[in-house]
């Protein structure tokens, strides 16, 4: 798994894993994953469930972009641990498109605003600097966000699972 891959995995150790943990997780997904009792901006659906595993996925743009728990699989890994795998490709795609649109808007402003174009033209390195800046923020920055976001998504999932198991 690459540092820039929008995936994460790990294991959550708990004092005791209830036999009905998949039912508890499924109920939490159905009633509100992030905030129990509220599905606003956290609309998830259980995609598969067995006695030892449960998978859920984000439905809709705002849910997919909200925190990055786009596709999650939780599995019993032992009597006191839960293994998890998560993917946030939709989140990464939205971040890349957003960065590209912002870079494109900056380029349009520079090209069509005479004073901005004059400022860039005044420096011999102006257009090279602008090209590097746009390339960085339009192409590289989204993958840096992905690398940073992996830990935040995993931590959010771990917090939710711990709450559900402890209840």
Foldseek 3Di string as FASTA:
>chain_A
DDLLAQKDKDKFFAPFFDQQLQVLCQQQQVQDQQDGNDCVLQNKHWPDDDSFKTKIAGDDDSVLQVQQQGIKMWGDPDRGMIIMMGGNPVNLVVQLVVQLVVLVVVVVCCVPPVVNVVVLVVDPCSVVVSVVVSCCSNPPVSSVVSSVSRVRNVVSVNVSSNVSRVD
